[in-house]
C-alpha atoms as a PDB file:
ATOM      1  CA  MET A   1     -66.016 -32.856   1.698  1.00  0.00           C
ATOM      2  CA  ALA A   2     -66.135 -34.764  -1.573  1.00  0.00           C
ATOM      3  CA  GLU A   3     -64.435 -38.140  -1.845  1.00  0.00           C
ATOM      4  CA  PRO A   4     -61.620 -38.554  -4.352  1.00  0.00           C
ATOM      5  CA  PRO A   5     -62.576 -40.563  -7.422  1.00  0.00           C
ATOM      6  CA  ALA A   6     -62.108 -44.287  -6.894  1.00  0.00           C
ATOM      7  CA  ASP A   7     -60.584 -46.761  -9.268  1.00  0.00           C
ATOM      8  CA  ALA A   8     -63.505 -48.528 -10.966  1.00  0.00           C
ATOM      9  CA  GLY A   9     -62.017 -51.890 -10.081  1.00  0.00           C
ATOM     10  CA  SER A  10     -61.666 -51.148  -6.395  1.00  0.00           C
ATOM     11  CA  VAL A  11     -64.281 -51.166  -3.677  1.00  0.00           C
ATOM     12  CA  ARG A  12     -64.711 -47.786  -2.037  1.00  0.00           C
ATOM     13  CA  GLU A  13     -66.422 -46.950   1.206  1.00  0.00           C
ATOM     14  CA  ILE A  14     -70.033 -45.781   1.062  1.00  0.00           C
ATOM     15  CA  PRO A  15     -70.560 -42.468   2.860  1.00  0.00           C
ATOM     16  CA  ASP A  16     -72.664 -42.749   6.020  1.00  0.00           C
ATOM     17  CA  ARG A  17     -75.992 -41.102   5.252  1.00  0.00           C
ATOM     18  CA  ALA A  18     -78.206 -42.242   8.071  1.00  0.00           C
ATOM     19  CA  GLY A  19     -81.845 -41.918   7.102  1.00  0.00           C
ATOM     20  CA  ASP A  20     -81.070 -41.474   3.399  1.00  0.00           C
ATOM     21  CA  GLU A  21     -81.339 -45.072   2.187  1.00  0.00           C
ATOM     22  CA  GLY A  22     -82.322 -44.075  -1.357  1.00  0.00           C
ATOM     23  CA  ALA A  23     -79.141 -42.036  -1.847  1.00  0.00           C
ATOM     24  CA  VAL A  24     -76.990 -44.808  -0.380  1.00  0.00           C
ATOM     25  CA  SER A  25     -78.678 -47.365  -2.685  1.00  0.00           C
ATOM     26  CA  GLU A  26     -77.917 -45.158  -5.678  1.00  0.00           C
ATOM     27  CA  ASP A  27     -74.277 -44.839  -4.549  1.00  0.00           C
ATOM     28  CA  ILE A  28     -74.023 -48.619  -4.300  1.00  0.00           C
ATOM     29  CA  ARG A  29     -75.780 -49.064  -7.655  1.00  0.00           C
ATOM     30  CA  ALA A  30     -73.267 -46.676  -9.263  1.00  0.00           C
ATOM     31  CA  MET A  31     -70.343 -48.592  -7.709  1.00  0.00           C
ATOM     32  CA  ILE A  32     -71.767 -51.879  -8.977  1.00  0.00           C
ATOM     33  CA  ARG A  33     -72.129 -50.427 -12.479  1.00  0.00           C
ATOM     34  CA  GLU A  34     -68.525 -49.173 -12.417  1.00  0.00           C
ATOM     35  CA  ARG A  35     -67.197 -52.513 -11.210  1.00  0.00           C
ATOM     36  CA  ILE A  36     -69.166 -54.449 -13.860  1.00  0.00           C
ATOM     37  CA  ALA A  37     -67.943 -52.094 -16.603  1.00  0.00           C
ATOM     38  CA  ALA A  38     -64.335 -52.469 -15.386  1.00  0.00           C
ATOM     39  CA  GLY A  39     -64.635 -56.272 -15.348  1.00  0.00           C
ATOM     40  CA  ALA A  40     -64.049 -56.367 -11.575  1.00  0.00           C
ATOM     41  CA  LEU A  41     -67.518 -57.750 -10.807  1.00  0.00           C
ATOM     42  CA  PRO A  42     -68.965 -60.506 -12.991  1.00  0.00           C
ATOM     43  CA  CYS A  43     -72.549 -60.669 -14.154  1.00  0.00           C
ATOM     44  CA  GLU A  44     -72.645 -64.409 -14.604  1.00  0.00           C
ATOM     45  CA  ARG A  45     -75.695 -66.185 -13.245  1.00  0.00           C
ATOM     46  CA  CYS A  46     -75.092 -67.772  -9.857  1.00  0.00           C
ATOM     47  CA  ARG A  47     -74.842 -71.562  -9.917  1.00  0.00           C
ATOM     48  CA  ALA A  48     -76.239 -71.534  -6.387  1.00  0.00           C
ATOM     49  CA  VAL A  49     -77.171 -68.868  -3.843  1.00  0.00           C
ATOM     50  CA  TRP A  50     -77.080 -69.287  -0.092  1.00  0.00           C
ATOM     51  CA  ALA A  51     -78.346 -66.797   2.479  1.00  0.00           C
ATOM     52  CA  GLY A  52     -77.570 -66.628   6.162  1.00  0.00           C
ATOM     53  CA  PRO A  53     -76.064 -64.435   8.842  1.00  0.00           C
ATOM     54  CA  GLY A  54     -72.940 -62.525   7.904  1.00  0.00           C
ATOM     55  CA  VAL A  55     -69.545 -63.561   9.244  1.00  0.00           C
ATOM     56  CA  GLY A  56     -67.716 -60.247   8.852  1.00  0.00           C
ATOM     57  CA  MET A  57     -66.424 -60.797   5.316  1.00  0.00           C
ATOM     58  CA  PRO A  58     -66.518 -57.768   2.975  1.00  0.00           C
ATOM     59  CA  CYS A  59     -69.366 -57.292   0.518  1.00  0.00           C
ATOM     60  CA  VAL A  60     -68.120 -57.363  -3.107  1.00  0.00           C
ATOM     61  CA  ALA A  61     -70.465 -54.497  -3.983  1.00  0.00           C
ATOM     62  CA  CYS A  62     -69.979 -51.923  -1.225  1.00  0.00           C
ATOM     63  CA  GLY A  63     -66.841 -53.111   0.587  1.00  0.00           C
ATOM     64  CA  ARG A  64     -68.401 -52.964   4.052  1.00  0.00           C
ATOM     65  CA  PRO A  65     -68.223 -56.057   6.285  1.00  0.00           C
ATOM     66  CA  ILE A  66     -71.358 -58.194   6.384  1.00  0.00           C
ATOM     67  CA  LEU A  67     -72.095 -58.331  10.108  1.00  0.00           C
ATOM     68  CA  PRO A  68     -73.682 -61.260  11.955  1.00  0.00           C
ATOM     69  CA  THR A  69     -76.788 -59.080  12.419  1.00  0.00           C
ATOM     70  CA  GLU A  70     -77.112 -58.747   8.606  1.00  0.00           C
ATOM     71  CA  ILE A  71     -78.118 -61.254   5.939  1.00  0.00           C
ATOM     72  CA  GLU A  72     -75.253 -62.387   3.696  1.00  0.00           C
ATOM     73  CA  PHE A  73     -75.952 -63.706   0.215  1.00  0.00           C
ATOM     74  CA  GLU A  74     -73.291 -66.022  -1.202  1.00  0.00           C
ATOM     75  CA  CYS A  75     -73.323 -66.441  -4.971  1.00  0.00           C
ATOM     76  CA  GLU A  76     -71.387 -69.400  -6.338  1.00  0.00           C
ATOM     77  CA  GLN A  77     -69.812 -68.466  -9.655  1.00  0.00           C
ATOM     78  CA  PRO A  78     -68.271 -70.789 -12.242  1.00  0.00           C
ATOM     79  CA  GLY A  79     -64.854 -71.814 -11.005  1.00  0.00           C
ATOM     80  CA  PRO A  80     -63.690 -71.241  -7.455  1.00  0.00           C
ATOM     81  CA  ASP A  81     -65.250 -67.783  -7.039  1.00  0.00           C
ATOM     82  CA  LEU A  82     -67.800 -67.114  -4.313  1.00  0.00           C
ATOM     83  CA  LEU A  83     -69.285 -63.621  -4.249  1.00  0.00           C
ATOM     84  CA  ARG A  84     -70.516 -62.318  -0.891  1.00  0.00           C
ATOM     85  CA  PHE A  85     -73.123 -59.562  -0.753  1.00  0.00           C
ATOM     86  CA  HIS A  86     -75.328 -57.778   1.752  1.00  0.00           C
ATOM     87  CA  GLN A  87     -78.922 -58.686   0.926  1.00  0.00           C
ATOM     88  CA  ALA A  88     -79.676 -55.214  -0.481  1.00  0.00           C
ATOM     89  CA  CYS A  89     -76.407 -55.152  -2.465  1.00  0.00           C
ATOM     90  CA  TYR A  90     -77.199 -58.554  -3.979  1.00  0.00           C
ATOM     91  CA  LEU A  91     -80.592 -57.320  -5.176  1.00  0.00           C
ATOM     92  CA  LEU A  92     -79.020 -54.197  -6.711  1.00  0.00           C
ATOM     93  CA  TRP A  93     -76.324 -56.344  -8.399  1.00  0.00           C
ATOM     94  CA  GLU A  94     -78.967 -58.676  -9.837  1.00  0.00           C
ATOM     95  CA  ASP A  95     -80.908 -55.696 -11.177  1.00  0.00           C
ATOM     96  CA  GLU A  96     -77.816 -54.114 -12.733  1.00  0.00           C
ATOM     97  CA  CYS A  97     -76.826 -57.429 -14.329  1.00  0.00           C
ATOM     98  CA  GLN A  98     -80.285 -57.625 -15.899  1.00  0.00           C
ATOM     99  CA  HIS A  99     -79.607 -54.254 -17.571  1.00  0.00           C
ATOM    100  CA  TRP A 100     -76.222 -55.452 -18.819  1.00  0.00           C
ATOM    101  CA  ALA A 101     -77.807 -58.619 -20.227  1.00  0.00           C
ATOM    102  CA  THR A 102     -80.555 -56.738 -22.064  1.00  0.00           C
ATOM    103  CA  PRO A 103     -79.491 -56.168 -25.660  1.00  0.00           C
ATOM    104  CA  PRO A 104     -80.038 -52.695 -27.069  1.00  0.00           C
ATOM    105  CA  PRO A 105     -83.275 -52.257 -28.989  1.00  0.00           C
ATOM    106  CA  GLU A 106     -83.056 -53.180 -32.625  1.00  0.00           C
ATOM    107  CA  THR A 107     -82.994 -50.367 -35.107  1.00  0.00           C
ATOM    108  CA  VAL A 108     -85.947 -50.527 -37.443  1.00  0.00           C
ATOM    109  CA  HIS A 109     -84.971 -49.889 -41.020  1.00  0.00           C
ATOM    110  CA  THR A 110     -87.562 -49.163 -43.608  1.00  0.00           C
ATOM    111  CA  THR A 111     -87.006 -49.169 -47.309  1.00  0.00           C
ATOM    112  CA  GLU A 112     -89.180 -47.576 -49.871  1.00  0.00           C
ATOM    113  CA  ARG A 113     -90.215 -49.675 -52.763  1.00  0.00           C
ATOM    114  CA  SER A 114     -89.494 -48.448 -56.214  1.00  0.00           C
ATOM    115  CA  HIS A 115     -92.435 -48.591 -58.540  1.00  0.00           C
END
Protein backbone atom coordinates (compact mmCIF):
# COMPACT_ATOMS: atom_id res chain seq x y z
CA MET A 1 0.00 0.00 0.00
CA ALA A 2 1.36 3.40 -0.97
CA GLU A 3 1.93 6.03 1.70
CA PRO A 4 0.00 9.28 1.48
CA PRO A 5 2.09 12.24 0.36
CA ALA A 6 3.83 13.94 3.27
CA ASP A 7 4.13 17.63 3.92
CA ALA A 8 7.62 18.62 2.74
CA GLY A 9 8.30 20.28 6.07
CA SER A 10 7.40 17.26 8.15
CA VAL A 11 9.40 14.15 8.86
CA ARG A 12 7.72 11.00 7.61
CA GLU A 13 8.48 7.42 8.49
CA ILE A 14 10.76 5.46 6.17
CA PRO A 15 9.19 2.19 5.02
CA ASP A 16 10.91 -0.91 6.40
CA ARG A 17 12.71 -2.54 3.49
CA ALA A 18 15.03 -4.99 5.15
CA GLY A 19 17.86 -5.90 2.82
CA ASP A 20 17.16 -3.02 0.43
CA GLU A 21 19.51 -0.37 1.82
CA GLY A 22 19.92 1.40 -1.53
CA ALA A 23 16.17 2.02 -1.84
CA VAL A 24 15.94 3.21 1.76
CA SER A 25 18.91 5.57 1.19
CA GLU A 26 17.17 7.02 -1.86
CA ASP A 27 13.96 7.49 0.17
CA ILE A 28 15.91 9.34 2.84
CA ARG A 29 17.77 11.38 0.22
CA ALA A 30 14.43 12.40 -1.32
CA MET A 31 13.07 13.40 2.11
CA ILE A 32 16.19 15.46 2.79
CA ARG A 33 15.82 17.22 -0.57
CA GLU A 34 12.16 18.00 0.15
CA ARG A 35 12.94 19.34 3.61
CA ILE A 36 15.79 21.53 2.31
CA ALA A 37 13.58 22.90 -0.48
CA ALA A 38 10.79 23.64 2.03
CA GLY A 39 13.22 25.44 4.35
CA ALA A 40 12.61 22.87 7.12
CA LEU A 41 16.20 21.59 7.08
CA PRO A 42 19.07 24.06 6.81
CA CYS A 43 22.15 23.56 4.69
CA GLU A 44 24.41 25.77 6.74
CA ARG A 45 27.85 24.41 7.51
CA CYS A 46 28.10 22.91 10.98
CA ARG A 47 30.08 25.00 13.46
CA ALA A 48 31.03 21.74 15.17
CA VAL A 49 30.13 18.08 14.75
CA TRP A 50 30.11 15.49 17.51
CA ALA A 51 29.57 11.76 17.08
CA GLY A 52 28.66 9.20 19.70
CA PRO A 53 26.03 6.67 20.66
CA GLY A 54 22.43 7.68 20.12
CA VAL A 55 20.19 8.58 23.04
CA GLY A 56 16.81 7.93 21.42
CA MET A 57 16.25 11.41 19.99
CA PRO A 58 14.70 11.59 16.50
CA CYS A 59 16.87 12.04 13.42
CA VAL A 60 16.08 15.32 11.61
CA ALA A 61 16.38 13.56 8.25
CA CYS A 62 14.36 10.36 8.61
CA GLY A 63 12.40 10.88 11.84
CA ARG A 64 13.41 7.54 13.37
CA PRO A 65 14.94 7.51 16.87
CA ILE A 66 18.72 7.25 17.01
CA LEU A 67 19.21 4.21 19.23
CA PRO A 68 22.10 3.66 21.65
CA THR A 69 23.36 0.93 19.29
CA GLU A 70 23.62 3.51 16.46
CA ILE A 71 26.02 6.40 15.90
CA GLU A 72 24.45 9.84 16.33
CA PHE A 73 25.95 12.86 14.61
CA GLU A 74 25.19 16.21 16.25
CA CYS A 75 25.65 19.26 14.05
CA GLU A 76 25.84 22.59 15.83
CA GLN A 77 24.18 25.27 13.72
CA PRO A 78 24.39 29.04 14.14
CA GLY A 79 22.14 30.03 17.00
CA PRO A 80 20.68 27.52 19.43
CA ASP A 81 19.94 24.80 16.86
CA LEU A 82 21.49 21.36 17.17
CA LEU A 83 20.69 18.91 14.38
CA ARG A 84 20.78 15.21 15.23
CA PHE A 85 21.31 12.63 12.50
CA HIS A 86 21.95 8.92 12.10
CA GLN A 87 25.45 8.54 10.66
CA ALA A 88 24.13 7.52 7.22
CA CYS A 89 21.53 10.32 7.23
CA TYR A 90 24.21 12.89 8.08
CA LEU A 91 26.33 11.77 5.12
CA LEU A 92 23.33 11.98 2.78
CA TRP A 93 22.45 15.45 4.15
CA GLU A 94 26.02 16.65 3.61
CA ASP A 95 25.95 15.35 0.04
CA GLU A 96 22.60 16.98 -0.72
CA CYS A 97 23.78 20.28 0.76
CA GLN A 98 26.80 20.16 -1.56
CA HIS A 99 24.38 19.97 -4.52
CA TRP A 100 22.38 22.91 -3.18
CA ALA A 101 25.56 24.95 -2.73
CA THR A 102 26.81 24.25 -6.26
CA PRO A 103 25.80 27.11 -8.53
CA PRO A 104 24.31 26.18 -11.89
CA PRO A 105 26.80 26.08 -14.75
CA GLU A 106 27.33 29.39 -16.45
CA THR A 107 25.79 29.85 -19.83
CA VAL A 108 28.41 30.49 -22.47
CA HIS A 109 27.42 33.27 -24.81
CA THR A 110 29.25 33.79 -28.02
CA THR A 111 28.98 36.82 -30.21
CA GLU A 112 29.97 37.05 -33.79
CA ARG A 113 32.17 39.89 -34.76
CA SER A 114 31.05 42.17 -37.50
CA HIS A 115 33.64 42.80 -40.13
